[in-house]
Amino acid sequence: MKKLLLMLAAILVVGGAMTSCTENKKTEIVEEVLPKADFSKLSEHPWEVAIYQYLADSIGIHYGQGEEGLSTICLPAITEVGVDETDSSDIKMWGDFWVYNYQLVNDSLKFVSGGDHPGLIHLSKNGEEYVVTAFDQVGDGSQFMPTAKKIFGDKFPAFQKLNSDVNVMKQQKNKVIKMYVQENKLKVKGVE
């Protein structure tokens, strides 16, 4: 019994020493307030810029904001399935809309939260600005297919093809990140 107690005591002493050694190797996090994104560089269509802003302000805010004390930026990505501009009081855009929240940790943009929101966004023109007036989102789980078919209608096959191609979304996401980093002259070396 004494041998067992001595062995346990030795393990605790060695374990404690190892823990205290690793605790001294903390990574210093450089805090930087991230500037607001200017989405006007992403599209020639002002109504599409309004969609980027809506996704960042109204959808991205509902996702986790990451580590406390670090600023978070929402960088949405849009993949268009179809657009109907025939009625300026109800412009419709069907698409796969993603939101990605990031924090700047040292020289990397670190992904902290986000998600996919396929559906139909309605916009109207208010003076010189476009405003999102409604967002018909595809349902989750067992409601995904029936609501997707209803919302996309004859555009459903195009939506399915787009939604299953991860490379298309990666390209859109990378385009938004590149624009944001370049516009704000951030010293970012990678994205996690």
Protein backbone atom coordinates (compact mmCIF):
# COMPACT_ATOMS: atom_id res chain seq x y z
CA MET A 1 0.00 0.00 0.00
CA LYS A 2 2.87 2.40 0.84
CA LYS A 3 4.46 1.71 -2.55
CA LEU A 4 1.18 2.53 -4.30
CA LEU A 5 0.83 5.83 -2.39
CA LEU A 6 4.46 6.75 -3.13
CA MET A 7 3.94 6.03 -6.85
CA LEU A 8 0.78 8.16 -6.93
CA ALA A 9 2.56 10.99 -5.12
CA ALA A 10 5.43 10.81 -7.64
CA ILE A 11 3.00 10.91 -10.55
CA LEU A 12 1.26 13.98 -9.10
CA VAL A 13 4.56 15.79 -8.56
CA VAL A 14 5.81 15.04 -12.09
CA GLY A 15 2.39 15.84 -13.60
CA GLY A 16 2.24 19.14 -11.70
CA ALA A 17 5.70 20.09 -12.90
CA MET A 18 4.75 19.30 -16.50
CA THR A 19 1.56 21.36 -16.20
CA SER A 20 3.39 24.38 -14.82
CA CYS A 21 5.95 24.16 -17.66
CA THR A 22 3.27 24.18 -20.35
CA GLU A 23 1.31 27.00 -18.71
CA ASN A 24 4.25 29.37 -19.17
CA LYS A 25 4.14 28.93 -22.98
CA LYS A 26 0.99 30.98 -23.64
CA THR A 27 0.55 32.44 -27.09
CA GLU A 28 0.30 36.20 -27.00
CA ILE A 29 -2.83 37.35 -28.78
CA VAL A 30 -2.58 40.72 -30.45
CA GLU A 31 -5.95 42.46 -30.16
CA GLU A 32 -7.10 44.55 -33.09
CA VAL A 33 -10.53 46.07 -33.70
CA LEU A 34 -11.68 44.83 -37.06
CA PRO A 35 -13.14 47.49 -39.35
CA LYS A 36 -16.65 47.18 -40.75
CA ALA A 37 -16.78 45.54 -44.17
CA ASP A 38 -17.58 47.61 -47.27
CA PHE A 39 -19.40 45.20 -49.55
CA SER A 40 -19.75 47.68 -52.44
CA LYS A 41 -16.58 46.26 -54.02
CA LEU A 42 -18.15 42.82 -54.38
CA SER A 43 -20.90 43.53 -56.87
CA GLU A 44 -21.92 45.95 -59.58
CA HIS A 45 -25.54 45.54 -58.44
CA PRO A 46 -26.45 47.80 -55.51
CA TRP A 47 -29.24 45.43 -54.49
CA GLU A 48 -26.69 42.61 -54.09
CA VAL A 49 -24.58 44.86 -51.85
CA ALA A 50 -27.72 45.31 -49.70
CA ILE A 51 -27.97 41.51 -49.41
CA TYR A 52 -24.36 41.23 -48.18
CA GLN A 53 -25.06 43.92 -45.57
CA TYR A 54 -28.34 42.27 -44.52
CA LEU A 55 -26.66 38.89 -44.06
CA ALA A 56 -23.89 40.44 -41.95
CA ASP A 57 -26.17 42.64 -39.83
CA SER A 58 -29.28 40.48 -39.48
CA ILE A 59 -28.13 36.84 -39.79
CA GLY A 60 -24.45 36.73 -38.79
CA ILE A 61 -25.15 38.50 -35.50
CA HIS A 62 -27.14 35.47 -34.29
CA TYR A 63 -24.11 33.19 -34.47
CA GLY A 64 -21.43 32.87 -31.79
CA GLN A 65 -19.08 35.84 -31.63
CA GLY A 66 -15.94 33.92 -30.60
CA GLU A 67 -13.48 34.74 -27.84
CA GLU A 68 -14.47 37.57 -25.55
CA GLY A 69 -12.27 40.61 -25.93
CA LEU A 70 -11.59 40.00 -29.64
CA SER A 71 -13.49 41.82 -32.32
CA THR A 72 -15.60 39.71 -34.74
CA ILE A 73 -16.39 40.41 -38.40
CA CYS A 74 -19.11 38.71 -40.44
CA LEU A 75 -18.15 38.07 -44.06
CA PRO A 76 -21.11 36.58 -45.98
CA ALA A 77 -20.80 34.72 -49.27
CA ILE A 78 -23.51 34.58 -51.92
CA THR A 79 -24.03 32.09 -54.70
CA GLU A 80 -26.80 33.17 -57.00
CA VAL A 81 -29.33 30.70 -58.40
CA GLY A 82 -31.56 33.26 -60.10
CA VAL A 83 -32.72 36.88 -60.10
CA ASP A 84 -35.96 38.57 -61.09
CA GLU A 85 -35.59 42.34 -61.48
CA THR A 86 -38.82 42.92 -63.42
CA ASP A 87 -40.54 44.65 -60.46
CA SER A 88 -38.33 47.23 -58.70
CA SER A 89 -40.64 47.13 -55.68
CA ASP A 90 -39.98 43.39 -55.27
CA ILE A 91 -36.61 42.30 -56.66
CA LYS A 92 -36.12 38.59 -56.00
CA MET A 93 -32.84 36.73 -55.63
CA TRP A 94 -32.75 32.98 -55.15
CA GLY A 95 -29.49 31.71 -53.80
CA ASP A 96 -27.35 29.91 -51.30
CA PHE A 97 -26.40 32.49 -48.68
CA TRP A 98 -23.64 31.75 -46.19
CA VAL A 99 -22.44 33.75 -43.20
CA TYR A 100 -18.94 33.35 -41.76
CA ASN A 101 -17.83 35.05 -38.54
CA TYR A 102 -14.09 35.55 -38.06
CA GLN A 103 -11.75 36.96 -35.45
CA LEU A 104 -8.25 38.22 -36.11
CA VAL A 105 -5.86 36.19 -33.96
CA ASN A 106 -2.28 37.38 -34.48
CA ASP A 107 -1.89 37.18 -38.27
CA SER A 108 -4.76 34.76 -39.01
CA LEU A 109 -8.47 35.20 -39.56
CA LYS A 110 -9.93 32.49 -37.35
CA PHE A 111 -13.38 31.11 -38.25
CA VAL A 112 -15.58 31.13 -35.15
CA SER A 113 -19.12 30.47 -36.40
CA GLY A 114 -21.46 30.60 -39.35
CA GLY A 115 -23.95 28.71 -41.42
CA ASP A 116 -25.86 28.15 -44.62
CA HIS A 117 -29.14 29.96 -45.37
CA PRO A 118 -30.48 29.01 -48.80
CA GLY A 119 -33.65 30.67 -49.96
CA LEU A 120 -35.26 33.66 -51.64
CA ILE A 121 -34.47 37.26 -50.65
CA HIS A 122 -36.91 40.04 -51.54
CA LEU A 123 -35.70 43.65 -51.94
CA SER A 124 -37.22 46.99 -52.79
CA LYS A 125 -35.73 50.33 -53.76
CA ASN A 126 -36.04 53.04 -51.11
CA GLY A 127 -34.82 56.28 -52.72
CA GLU A 128 -31.31 55.47 -53.93
CA GLU A 129 -30.86 52.51 -51.57
CA TYR A 130 -32.06 48.94 -51.73
CA VAL A 131 -33.55 47.30 -48.67
CA VAL A 132 -34.18 43.63 -47.91
CA THR A 133 -37.90 43.34 -47.20
CA ALA A 134 -38.24 39.58 -46.68
CA PHE A 135 -36.20 36.38 -46.61
CA ASP A 136 -37.90 33.05 -47.36
CA GLN A 137 -35.45 30.50 -45.95
CA VAL A 138 -35.32 26.80 -46.66
CA GLY A 139 -36.22 24.72 -43.60
CA ASP A 140 -33.88 22.50 -41.59
CA GLY A 141 -33.79 18.71 -41.31
CA SER A 142 -36.84 16.93 -42.69
CA GLN A 143 -38.24 20.29 -43.91
CA PHE A 144 -35.24 20.99 -46.16
CA MET A 145 -36.38 19.25 -49.36
CA PRO A 146 -40.07 20.25 -49.31
CA THR A 147 -39.32 23.90 -48.53
CA ALA A 148 -36.43 24.04 -51.01
CA LYS A 149 -38.67 22.69 -53.78
CA LYS A 150 -41.40 25.19 -52.89
CA ILE A 151 -39.09 28.23 -52.64
CA PHE A 152 -36.89 27.49 -55.67
CA GLY A 153 -39.65 26.07 -57.89
CA ASP A 154 -38.32 25.56 -61.43
CA LYS A 155 -34.90 26.71 -60.18
CA PHE A 156 -34.66 23.74 -57.80
CA PRO A 157 -32.37 21.60 -60.05
CA ALA A 158 -29.95 24.55 -60.39
CA PHE A 159 -30.07 25.06 -56.62
CA GLN A 160 -29.32 21.37 -55.97
CA LYS A 161 -26.34 21.45 -58.31
CA LEU A 162 -24.99 24.65 -56.76
CA ASN A 163 -25.64 23.53 -53.18
CA SER A 164 -23.72 20.30 -53.70
CA ASP A 165 -20.62 21.98 -55.19
CA VAL A 166 -18.38 22.99 -52.25
CA ASN A 167 -15.82 24.57 -54.60
CA VAL A 168 -18.27 27.25 -55.75
CA MET A 169 -18.89 28.39 -52.18
CA LYS A 170 -15.17 28.26 -51.34
CA GLN A 171 -14.47 30.54 -54.31
CA GLN A 172 -17.12 33.02 -53.17
CA LYS A 173 -15.92 32.91 -49.56
CA ASN A 174 -12.29 33.46 -50.63
CA LYS A 175 -13.33 36.38 -52.87
CA VAL A 176 -15.01 38.13 -49.91
CA ILE A 177 -12.07 37.46 -47.56
CA LYS A 178 -9.54 38.72 -50.12
CA MET A 179 -11.56 41.90 -50.72
CA TYR A 180 -11.91 42.56 -46.97
CA VAL A 181 -8.23 41.96 -46.17
CA GLN A 182 -7.00 44.09 -49.11
CA GLU A 183 -9.48 46.95 -48.55
CA ASN A 184 -8.51 47.22 -44.89
CA LYS A 185 -4.77 46.57 -45.40
CA LEU A 186 -4.81 43.82 -42.78
CA LYS A 187 -1.63 41.84 -42.19
CA VAL A 188 -3.30 38.45 -42.56
CA LYS A 189 -1.17 35.48 -43.54
CA GLY A 190 -3.83 32.78 -43.29
CA VAL A 191 -7.39 31.76 -42.61
CA GLU A 192 -8.20 29.02 -40.09
